[in-house]
C-alpha atoms as a PDB file:
ATOM      1  CA  MET A   1       5.325   7.442 -14.521  1.00  0.00           C
ATOM      2  CA  LEU A   2       5.320   4.550 -12.113  1.00  0.00           C
ATOM      3  CA  LEU A   3       3.248   3.636  -9.035  1.00  0.00           C
ATOM      4  CA  VAL A   4       4.502   1.454  -6.204  1.00  0.00           C
ATOM      5  CA  LYS A   5       3.149   0.152  -2.949  1.00  0.00           C
ATOM      6  CA  LEU A   6       5.510  -1.077  -0.319  1.00  0.00           C
ATOM      7  CA  GLY A   7       3.376  -3.418   1.920  1.00  0.00           C
ATOM      8  CA  GLY A   8       3.639  -2.932   5.730  1.00  0.00           C
ATOM      9  CA  SER A   9       4.720  -6.610   5.954  1.00  0.00           C
ATOM     10  CA  VAL A  10       7.805  -5.842   4.098  1.00  0.00           C
ATOM     11  CA  LEU A  11       8.776  -2.645   6.035  1.00  0.00           C
ATOM     12  CA  THR A  12       7.823  -3.661   9.327  1.00  0.00           C
ATOM     13  CA  GLU A  13       7.786  -6.729  11.716  1.00  0.00           C
ATOM     14  CA  LYS A  14       3.985  -6.773  11.574  1.00  0.00           C
ATOM     15  CA  ALA A  15       3.296  -8.698  14.925  1.00  0.00           C
ATOM     16  CA  ARG A  16       5.547  -6.398  16.938  1.00  0.00           C
ATOM     17  CA  LEU A  17       4.408  -2.788  17.676  1.00  0.00           C
ATOM     18  CA  ARG A  18       6.366  -0.199  16.142  1.00  0.00           C
ATOM     19  CA  THR A  19       9.167  -2.405  14.813  1.00  0.00           C
ATOM     20  CA  PRO A  20      10.672  -1.268  11.536  1.00  0.00           C
ATOM     21  CA  ARG A  21      12.660  -3.611   9.216  1.00  0.00           C
ATOM     22  CA  ARG A  22      15.407  -0.888   8.453  1.00  0.00           C
ATOM     23  CA  ALA A  23      17.527  -3.182   6.283  1.00  0.00           C
ATOM     24  CA  ALA A  24      14.534  -3.884   3.943  1.00  0.00           C
ATOM     25  CA  ILE A  25      13.648  -0.204   4.125  1.00  0.00           C
ATOM     26  CA  ARG A  26      17.082   0.764   2.930  1.00  0.00           C
ATOM     27  CA  ARG A  27      17.295  -1.952   0.154  1.00  0.00           C
ATOM     28  CA  LEU A  28      14.039  -1.020  -1.306  1.00  0.00           C
ATOM     29  CA  ALA A  29      14.881   2.647  -1.368  1.00  0.00           C
ATOM     30  CA  ALA A  30      18.034   1.736  -3.281  1.00  0.00           C
ATOM     31  CA  GLU A  31      15.947  -0.411  -5.716  1.00  0.00           C
ATOM     32  CA  LEU A  32      13.592   2.309  -6.548  1.00  0.00           C
ATOM     33  CA  ALA A  33      16.226   4.877  -6.977  1.00  0.00           C
ATOM     34  CA  SER A  34      17.923   2.665  -9.539  1.00  0.00           C
ATOM     35  CA  VAL A  35      14.806   2.589 -11.652  1.00  0.00           C
ATOM     36  CA  ARG A  36      15.368   6.195 -12.796  1.00  0.00           C
ATOM     37  CA  GLN A  37      11.682   6.936 -13.743  1.00  0.00           C
ATOM     38  CA  PRO A  38       9.415   9.230 -11.912  1.00  0.00           C
ATOM     39  CA  LEU A  39       7.478   7.537  -9.142  1.00  0.00           C
ATOM     40  CA  VAL A  40       4.731   7.966  -6.826  1.00  0.00           C
ATOM     41  CA  ILE A  41       5.296   5.871  -3.724  1.00  0.00           C
ATOM     42  CA  VAL A  42       2.692   4.508  -1.363  1.00  0.00           C
ATOM     43  CA  HIS A  43       3.511   2.477   1.727  1.00  0.00           C
ATOM     44  CA  GLY A  44       1.388   0.483   4.256  1.00  0.00           C
ATOM     45  CA  ALA A  45       1.355   0.902   8.024  1.00  0.00           C
ATOM     46  CA  GLY A  46       2.377  -2.403   9.156  1.00  0.00           C
ATOM     47  CA  SER A  47       2.977  -2.458  12.933  1.00  0.00           C
ATOM     48  CA  TYR A  48       2.971   1.255  13.297  1.00  0.00           C
ATOM     49  CA  GLY A  49      -0.849   1.119  12.265  1.00  0.00           C
ATOM     50  CA  HIS A  50      -2.422  -2.098  12.064  1.00  0.00           C
ATOM     51  CA  ILE A  51      -2.024  -3.395  15.714  1.00  0.00           C
ATOM     52  CA  LEU A  52      -3.407  -0.289  17.613  1.00  0.00           C
ATOM     53  CA  ALA A  53      -6.060   0.418  14.981  1.00  0.00           C
ATOM     54  CA  SER A  54      -7.371  -3.223  15.402  1.00  0.00           C
ATOM     55  CA  ARG A  55      -7.316  -3.071  19.155  1.00  0.00           C
ATOM     56  CA  HIS A  56      -9.208   0.266  19.393  1.00  0.00           C
ATOM     57  CA  ARG A  57     -11.487  -0.581  16.168  1.00  0.00           C
ATOM     58  CA  LEU A  58     -10.456   2.617  14.595  1.00  0.00           C
ATOM     59  CA  LYS A  59     -11.846   1.717  11.191  1.00  0.00           C
ATOM     60  CA  ASP A  60     -15.384   2.034  12.699  1.00  0.00           C
ATOM     61  CA  GLY A  61     -14.689   5.748  13.956  1.00  0.00           C
ATOM     62  CA  GLY A  62     -16.097   6.850  17.350  1.00  0.00           C
ATOM     63  CA  SER A  63     -16.586   9.910  19.658  1.00  0.00           C
ATOM     64  CA  THR A  64     -15.276   8.817  22.855  1.00  0.00           C
ATOM     65  CA  SER A  65     -12.063  10.566  24.166  1.00  0.00           C
ATOM     66  CA  ALA A  66     -10.250   6.964  24.247  1.00  0.00           C
ATOM     67  CA  LYS A  67     -10.868   6.667  20.681  1.00  0.00           C
ATOM     68  CA  ARG A  68      -9.526  10.086  19.678  1.00  0.00           C
ATOM     69  CA  ALA A  69      -6.575   9.392  21.815  1.00  0.00           C
ATOM     70  CA  ALA A  70      -6.021   6.030  20.162  1.00  0.00           C
ATOM     71  CA  ALA A  71      -6.496   7.712  16.588  1.00  0.00           C
ATOM     72  CA  ALA A  72      -4.058  10.493  17.393  1.00  0.00           C
ATOM     73  CA  ARG A  73      -1.447   7.789  18.488  1.00  0.00           C
ATOM     74  CA  VAL A  74      -1.682   5.941  15.205  1.00  0.00           C
ATOM     75  CA  GLN A  75      -1.569   9.041  13.141  1.00  0.00           C
ATOM     76  CA  ALA A  76       1.777   9.931  14.953  1.00  0.00           C
ATOM     77  CA  ASP A  77       3.015   6.380  14.603  1.00  0.00           C
ATOM     78  CA  VAL A  78       2.405   6.002  10.870  1.00  0.00           C
ATOM     79  CA  ARG A  79       4.114   9.460  10.521  1.00  0.00           C
ATOM     80  CA  GLU A  80       7.245   7.905  12.342  1.00  0.00           C
ATOM     81  CA  LEU A  81       7.386   5.122   9.959  1.00  0.00           C
ATOM     82  CA  ASP A  82       6.902   7.441   7.000  1.00  0.00           C
ATOM     83  CA  ARG A  83       9.835   9.493   8.165  1.00  0.00           C
ATOM     84  CA  LEU A  84      11.922   6.475   8.258  1.00  0.00           C
ATOM     85  CA  VAL A  85      10.870   5.523   4.578  1.00  0.00           C
ATOM     86  CA  VAL A  86      11.298   9.284   3.292  1.00  0.00           C
ATOM     87  CA  ASP A  87      14.713   9.591   4.922  1.00  0.00           C
ATOM     88  CA  ALA A  88      15.843   6.292   3.192  1.00  0.00           C
ATOM     89  CA  LEU A  89      14.835   7.453  -0.116  1.00  0.00           C
ATOM     90  CA  ASN A  90      16.385  10.805   0.187  1.00  0.00           C
ATOM     91  CA  ARG A  91      19.810   8.950   1.257  1.00  0.00           C
ATOM     92  CA  ALA A  92      19.202   6.987  -1.908  1.00  0.00           C
ATOM     93  CA  GLY A  93      19.229   9.903  -4.043  1.00  0.00           C
ATOM     94  CA  PHE A  94      15.340  10.965  -4.124  1.00  0.00           C
ATOM     95  CA  ALA A  95      13.721  14.431  -3.433  1.00  0.00           C
ATOM     96  CA  ALA A  96      11.045  12.626  -1.618  1.00  0.00           C
ATOM     97  CA  VAL A  97       8.268  14.484   0.006  1.00  0.00           C
ATOM     98  CA  PRO A  98       5.650  12.963   2.458  1.00  0.00           C
ATOM     99  CA  ILE A  99       2.070  13.795   1.837  1.00  0.00           C
ATOM    100  CA  ALA A 100      -0.250  12.735   4.609  1.00  0.00           C
ATOM    101  CA  PRO A 101      -3.669  11.518   3.544  1.00  0.00           C
ATOM    102  CA  SER A 102      -5.428  12.829   6.592  1.00  0.00           C
ATOM    103  CA  VAL A 103      -4.592  16.272   5.041  1.00  0.00           C
ATOM    104  CA  VAL A 104      -5.807  15.854   1.565  1.00  0.00           C
ATOM    105  CA  LEU A 105      -8.516  13.138   1.783  1.00  0.00           C
ATOM    106  CA  THR A 106     -11.975  12.607   3.439  1.00  0.00           C
ATOM    107  CA  LEU A 107     -14.018   9.431   3.529  1.00  0.00           C
ATOM    108  CA  ASP A 108     -17.679   8.891   3.544  1.00  0.00           C
ATOM    109  CA  ASP A 109     -18.467   5.608   5.289  1.00  0.00           C
ATOM    110  CA  GLY A 110     -15.153   4.056   4.182  1.00  0.00           C
ATOM    111  CA  GLY A 111     -15.337   5.332   0.666  1.00  0.00           C
ATOM    112  CA  VAL A 112     -13.474   8.330  -0.749  1.00  0.00           C
ATOM    113  CA  SER A 113     -15.635  11.530  -0.608  1.00  0.00           C
ATOM    114  CA  THR A 114     -12.829  13.874  -1.584  1.00  0.00           C
ATOM    115  CA  MET A 115      -9.053  13.895  -2.372  1.00  0.00           C
ATOM    116  CA  ASP A 116      -7.070  16.947  -3.181  1.00  0.00           C
ATOM    117  CA  LEU A 117      -4.591  15.620  -5.793  1.00  0.00           C
ATOM    118  CA  THR A 118      -2.841  19.094  -6.100  1.00  0.00           C
ATOM    119  CA  PRO A 119       0.160  18.309  -3.939  1.00  0.00           C
ATOM    120  CA  PHE A 120       0.843  15.034  -5.667  1.00  0.00           C
ATOM    121  CA  LEU A 121       0.374  16.617  -9.258  1.00  0.00           C
ATOM    122  CA  GLU A 122       2.578  19.714  -8.450  1.00  0.00           C
ATOM    123  CA  PHE A 123       5.302  18.166  -6.688  1.00  0.00           C
ATOM    124  CA  SER A 124       5.651  15.508  -9.294  1.00  0.00           C
ATOM    125  CA  SER A 125       5.716  18.192 -11.879  1.00  0.00           C
ATOM    126  CA  LEU A 126       8.543  19.877 -10.026  1.00  0.00           C
ATOM    127  CA  GLY A 127      10.525  16.551  -9.858  1.00  0.00           C
ATOM    128  CA  PHE A 128       9.814  15.662  -6.370  1.00  0.00           C
ATOM    129  CA  THR A 129       8.670  11.988  -5.475  1.00  0.00           C
ATOM    130  CA  PRO A 130       5.575  11.897  -3.356  1.00  0.00           C
ATOM    131  CA  VAL A 131       5.218   9.564  -0.753  1.00  0.00           C
ATOM    132  CA  THR A 132       2.069   8.682   1.127  1.00  0.00           C
ATOM    133  CA  PHE A 133       0.745   6.050   3.232  1.00  0.00           C
ATOM    134  CA  GLY A 134      -2.139   4.238   5.054  1.00  0.00           C
ATOM    135  CA  ASP A 135      -3.650   6.602   7.752  1.00  0.00           C
ATOM    136  CA  VAL A 136      -6.394   7.476  10.116  1.00  0.00           C
ATOM    137  CA  VAL A 137      -8.467  10.267   8.165  1.00  0.00           C
ATOM    138  CA  ARG A 138     -11.728  12.228   8.634  1.00  0.00           C
ATOM    139  CA  ASP A 139     -15.124  10.230   7.647  1.00  0.00           C
ATOM    140  CA  LEU A 140     -18.306  12.240   7.301  1.00  0.00           C
ATOM    141  CA  ARG A 141     -20.326   9.390   8.861  1.00  0.00           C
ATOM    142  CA  ARG A 142     -18.071   7.673  11.183  1.00  0.00           C
ATOM    143  CA  GLY A 143     -16.045  10.907  12.311  1.00  0.00           C
ATOM    144  CA  PHE A 144     -12.851   9.172  11.290  1.00  0.00           C
ATOM    145  CA  SER A 145     -11.778   5.899   9.800  1.00  0.00           C
ATOM    146  CA  VAL A 146      -8.718   4.031   8.264  1.00  0.00           C
ATOM    147  CA  CYS A 147      -7.811   4.754   4.852  1.00  0.00           C
ATOM    148  CA  SER A 148      -5.571   1.975   3.236  1.00  0.00           C
ATOM    149  CA  GLY A 149      -2.744   2.161   1.025  1.00  0.00           C
ATOM    150  CA  ASP A 150      -4.714   0.233  -1.470  1.00  0.00           C
ATOM    151  CA  LEU A 151      -7.396   2.774  -1.683  1.00  0.00           C
ATOM    152  CA  LEU A 152      -4.632   5.451  -2.087  1.00  0.00           C
ATOM    153  CA  MET A 153      -3.201   3.318  -5.093  1.00  0.00           C
ATOM    154  CA  LEU A 154      -6.553   3.284  -6.858  1.00  0.00           C
ATOM    155  CA  GLU A 155      -6.970   7.283  -6.470  1.00  0.00           C
ATOM    156  CA  LEU A 156      -3.435   7.833  -7.653  1.00  0.00           C
ATOM    157  CA  ALA A 157      -3.893   5.353 -10.627  1.00  0.00           C
ATOM    158  CA  ARG A 158      -7.093   7.333 -11.642  1.00  0.00           C
ATOM    159  CA  ALA A 159      -5.012  10.515 -11.602  1.00  0.00           C
ATOM    160  CA  PHE A 160      -1.821   9.734 -12.974  1.00  0.00           C
ATOM    161  CA  ARG A 161      -2.538   6.649 -15.484  1.00  0.00           C
ATOM    162  CA  PRO A 162       0.859   5.208 -14.628  1.00  0.00           C
ATOM    163  CA  ASP A 163       2.607   2.868 -17.134  1.00  0.00           C
ATOM    164  CA  ARG A 164       2.921   0.210 -14.315  1.00  0.00           C
ATOM    165  CA  ALA A 165       1.389  -0.221 -10.797  1.00  0.00           C
ATOM    166  CA  VAL A 166       3.452  -2.751  -8.602  1.00  0.00           C
ATOM    167  CA  PHE A 167       2.619  -4.016  -5.228  1.00  0.00           C
ATOM    168  CA  ALA A 168       5.426  -5.370  -3.002  1.00  0.00           C
ATOM    169  CA  ALA A 169       4.105  -7.954  -0.807  1.00  0.00           C
ATOM    170  CA  ASP A 170       5.626 -10.617   1.567  1.00  0.00           C
ATOM    171  CA  VAL A 171       4.919 -13.570  -0.646  1.00  0.00           C
ATOM    172  CA  ASP A 172       5.857 -14.184  -4.305  1.00  0.00           C
ATOM    173  CA  GLY A 173       2.272 -13.192  -5.547  1.00  0.00           C
ATOM    174  CA  LEU A 174      -1.284 -14.416  -5.479  1.00  0.00           C
ATOM    175  CA  PHE A 175      -1.774 -18.208  -5.048  1.00  0.00           C
ATOM    176  CA  THR A 176      -4.614 -20.582  -5.145  1.00  0.00           C
ATOM    177  CA  ALA A 177      -4.510 -20.633  -1.343  1.00  0.00           C
ATOM    178  CA  ASP A 178      -2.481 -18.794   1.392  1.00  0.00           C
ATOM    179  CA  PRO A 179       1.131 -20.144   0.910  1.00  0.00           C
ATOM    180  CA  LYS A 180       1.802 -19.421   4.452  1.00  0.00           C
ATOM    181  CA  ARG A 181      -0.801 -21.955   5.552  1.00  0.00           C
ATOM    182  CA  ARG A 182      -0.952 -24.251   2.702  1.00  0.00           C
ATOM    183  CA  PRO A 183       2.743 -24.599   1.285  1.00  0.00           C
ATOM    184  CA  LYS A 184       1.584 -26.672  -1.649  1.00  0.00           C
ATOM    185  CA  ALA A 185      -0.550 -23.850  -2.907  1.00  0.00           C
ATOM    186  CA  ASP A 186       0.311 -22.804  -6.762  1.00  0.00           C
ATOM    187  CA  LEU A 187       1.376 -19.476  -7.610  1.00  0.00           C
ATOM    188  CA  LEU A 188      -0.947 -17.840 -10.237  1.00  0.00           C
ATOM    189  CA  GLU A 189       1.111 -15.885 -13.048  1.00  0.00           C
ATOM    190  CA  THR A 190      -2.116 -13.967 -14.360  1.00  0.00           C
ATOM    191  CA  VAL A 191      -5.176 -13.213 -12.333  1.00  0.00           C
ATOM    192  CA  SER A 192      -8.425 -11.851 -13.742  1.00  0.00           C
ATOM    193  CA  PRO A 193     -11.875 -11.547 -12.274  1.00  0.00           C
ATOM    194  CA  ASN A 194     -13.036 -14.648 -13.988  1.00  0.00           C
ATOM    195  CA  ASP A 195     -10.338 -16.526 -11.819  1.00  0.00           C
ATOM    196  CA  LEU A 196     -11.472 -15.489  -8.300  1.00  0.00           C
ATOM    197  CA  ALA A 197     -13.536 -18.841  -8.048  1.00  0.00           C
ATOM    198  CA  LYS A 198     -10.041 -20.760  -8.261  1.00  0.00           C
ATOM    199  CA  ILE A 199      -8.707 -19.011  -5.284  1.00  0.00           C
ATOM    200  CA  GLU A 200      -9.325 -20.382  -1.644  1.00  0.00           C
ATOM    201  CA  PHE A 201      -9.258 -16.980   0.322  1.00  0.00           C
ATOM    202  CA  SER A 202      -8.501 -16.910   3.889  1.00  0.00           C
ATOM    203  CA  SER A 203     -10.010 -14.641   6.657  1.00  0.00           C
ATOM    204  CA  PRO A 204      -8.305 -11.457   7.163  1.00  0.00           C
ATOM    205  CA  ARG A 205      -5.837 -11.543   9.976  1.00  0.00           C
ATOM    206  CA  ARG A 206      -6.931 -10.073  13.364  1.00  0.00           C
ATOM    207  CA  THR A 207      -4.773  -6.972  13.092  1.00  0.00           C
ATOM    208  CA  ASP A 208      -5.299  -6.262   9.494  1.00  0.00           C
ATOM    209  CA  VAL A 209      -7.834  -3.256   9.563  1.00  0.00           C
ATOM    210  CA  THR A 210      -7.785  -2.854   5.710  1.00  0.00           C
ATOM    211  CA  GLY A 211     -10.024  -5.715   4.802  1.00  0.00           C
ATOM    212  CA  SER A 212      -9.735  -9.405   3.301  1.00  0.00           C
ATOM    213  CA  ILE A 213      -7.332 -10.501   0.802  1.00  0.00           C
ATOM    214  CA  GLU A 214     -10.069 -10.949  -1.581  1.00  0.00           C
ATOM    215  CA  GLY A 215     -11.184  -7.316  -1.076  1.00  0.00           C
ATOM    216  CA  LYS A 216      -7.629  -6.339  -1.796  1.00  0.00           C
ATOM    217  CA  VAL A 217      -7.406  -8.198  -5.073  1.00  0.00           C
ATOM    218  CA  ARG A 218     -10.746  -6.699  -6.072  1.00  0.00           C
ATOM    219  CA  ARG A 219      -9.265  -3.301  -5.649  1.00  0.00           C
ATOM    220  CA  MET A 220      -6.366  -4.422  -7.694  1.00  0.00           C
ATOM    221  CA  PHE A 221      -8.693  -5.238 -10.575  1.00  0.00           C
ATOM    222  CA  GLU A 222     -10.097  -1.602 -10.355  1.00  0.00           C
ATOM    223  CA  ILE A 223      -6.357  -0.274 -10.266  1.00  0.00           C
ATOM    224  CA  ALA A 224      -5.775  -2.374 -13.517  1.00  0.00           C
ATOM    225  CA  GLU A 225      -8.331  -0.437 -15.212  1.00  0.00           C
ATOM    226  CA  HIS A 226      -6.154   2.599 -15.144  1.00  0.00           C
ATOM    227  CA  VAL A 227      -2.734   1.300 -15.869  1.00  0.00           C
ATOM    228  CA  ASP A 228      -0.819  -0.523 -18.497  1.00  0.00           C
ATOM    229  CA  ALA A 229       0.506  -3.230 -16.039  1.00  0.00           C
ATOM    230  CA  CYS A 230      -0.507  -4.229 -12.518  1.00  0.00           C
ATOM    231  CA  MET A 231       1.807  -6.825 -10.436  1.00  0.00           C
ATOM    232  CA  ILE A 232       2.074  -8.349  -7.129  1.00  0.00           C
ATOM    233  CA  VAL A 233       5.718  -9.143  -6.430  1.00  0.00           C
ATOM    234  CA  ASN A 234       7.637 -10.283  -3.418  1.00  0.00           C
ATOM    235  CA  GLY A 235       9.437  -7.222  -1.841  1.00  0.00           C
ATOM    236  CA  ASN A 236      11.704  -9.363   0.220  1.00  0.00           C
ATOM    237  CA  VAL A 237      13.488 -10.815  -2.755  1.00  0.00           C
ATOM    238  CA  LYS A 238      16.287  -8.608  -3.698  1.00  0.00           C
ATOM    239  CA  ASN A 239      15.780  -6.460  -6.994  1.00  0.00           C
ATOM    240  CA  ARG A 240      12.504  -8.091  -7.618  1.00  0.00           C
ATOM    241  CA  VAL A 241      10.611  -4.690  -7.410  1.00  0.00           C
ATOM    242  CA  ARG A 242      13.221  -3.002  -9.338  1.00  0.00           C
ATOM    243  CA  ASP A 243      12.761  -5.344 -12.170  1.00  0.00           C
ATOM    244  CA  ALA A 244       9.240  -5.281 -11.956  1.00  0.00           C
ATOM    245  CA  LEU A 245       8.975  -1.541 -12.352  1.00  0.00           C
ATOM    246  CA  ARG A 246      11.342  -1.684 -15.188  1.00  0.00           C
ATOM    247  CA  GLY A 247       9.044  -3.938 -17.066  1.00  0.00           C
ATOM    248  CA  LYS A 248      11.203  -6.988 -16.826  1.00  0.00           C
ATOM    249  CA  ARG A 249       9.725 -10.417 -16.517  1.00  0.00           C
ATOM    250  CA  VAL A 250       9.869 -11.567 -12.997  1.00  0.00           C
ATOM    251  CA  VAL A 251       8.147 -14.103 -10.534  1.00  0.00           C
ATOM    252  CA  GLY A 252       4.891 -12.518  -9.344  1.00  0.00           C
ATOM    253  CA  THR A 253       1.289 -12.204 -10.306  1.00  0.00           C
ATOM    254  CA  ARG A 254      -0.033 -10.024 -13.044  1.00  0.00           C
ATOM    255  CA  ILE A 255      -3.428  -8.632 -12.218  1.00  0.00           C
ATOM    256  CA  VAL A 256      -5.470  -8.001 -15.435  1.00  0.00           C
ATOM    257  CA  ARG A 257      -8.703  -6.151 -15.842  1.00  0.00           C
ATOM    258  CA  GLY A 258     -11.973  -7.877 -16.442  1.00  0.00           C
ATOM    259  CA  PRO A 259     -13.568  -8.604 -19.908  1.00  0.00           C
END
């Protein structure tokens, strides 16, 4: 089984509220269909989630009617993006089924409290392709909070022990610094926890409610403990996600577990 995360920056225009990149969604659906191995798919929320979640500070939870209204709006928006992704996957030949995190997962101060993996396991065993996504979910201490796609990747990696976990980002992989700010930054082919000191991490973007790049990389180290191979590749480059899932050598960064 293979596990893949389609980043929100690949599926949407992250600076434009609720703006999908339809051609990219269709292309990636076709690439995944050509892999011809069982998949579990996670995708980010992009501009369907991060902009409003950041504006209303939904990660912190809250009890006001305004906060509840904003949380409900974001939940509806991310389901709209998920429908676009699932529809594209089904047109490409999948029997894809959406599984909303808010139904199966509860957080406790931002960490996972409980997650019912039954829908993922049973749909997979029947030949369906589960699709899940970053979402606003219940939180025992905050009332509600934001569950990232990366956190879902970790829980699914623990459950399925996939052969490979591939993250499709909008850059070629992990660099010594942010390549969008420092064009001369070097791409790192392999990264372990011992390499973190070599990397100049940027502050999280104002609209990114799921944490810093360093935090995401540390999450990937956890995921690498449960998979044979974990990679970050550029989802904007044709067939790179497909080839990474097939185990071919591609441009990207391999994330390896610690010593």
